[in-house]
């Protein structure tokens, strides 16, 4: 048996638990690439868990990678629509490199069935 740590948990229903891994930046719009990679590794682990139990109750999990920054305004998730994405990117004045990174992260999250949240924090 191996015990993994996560930054935050939240129960959605009696049988669903959110496993939230957070990465933060105080000075940049996004956390560092190394922090994001660390978060992605945990998402790979969390999406491949065979069993999660709390108090001997088996639960389904929904992994979430939360990227926060004190410099951000607004919020987007992998469930956000195209217009929300464009508004968020324009509002926060992301560089082309950052826009590409966000796009690649969202593609990765959808392919591997985890959620990404990018917000002020």
Foldseek 3Di string as FASTA:
>chain_A
DDDDDADDWDDDDPAEIEGEHEAEDAPDQWHDPVSVVVLVVVLVVLLPDPFDDDPNHTHHYAYEYEIAYQQADDKDKLPDDPVVLVVRCVVSVDDPVVNVVVVVVSVVCVVSRHMYMYYYD
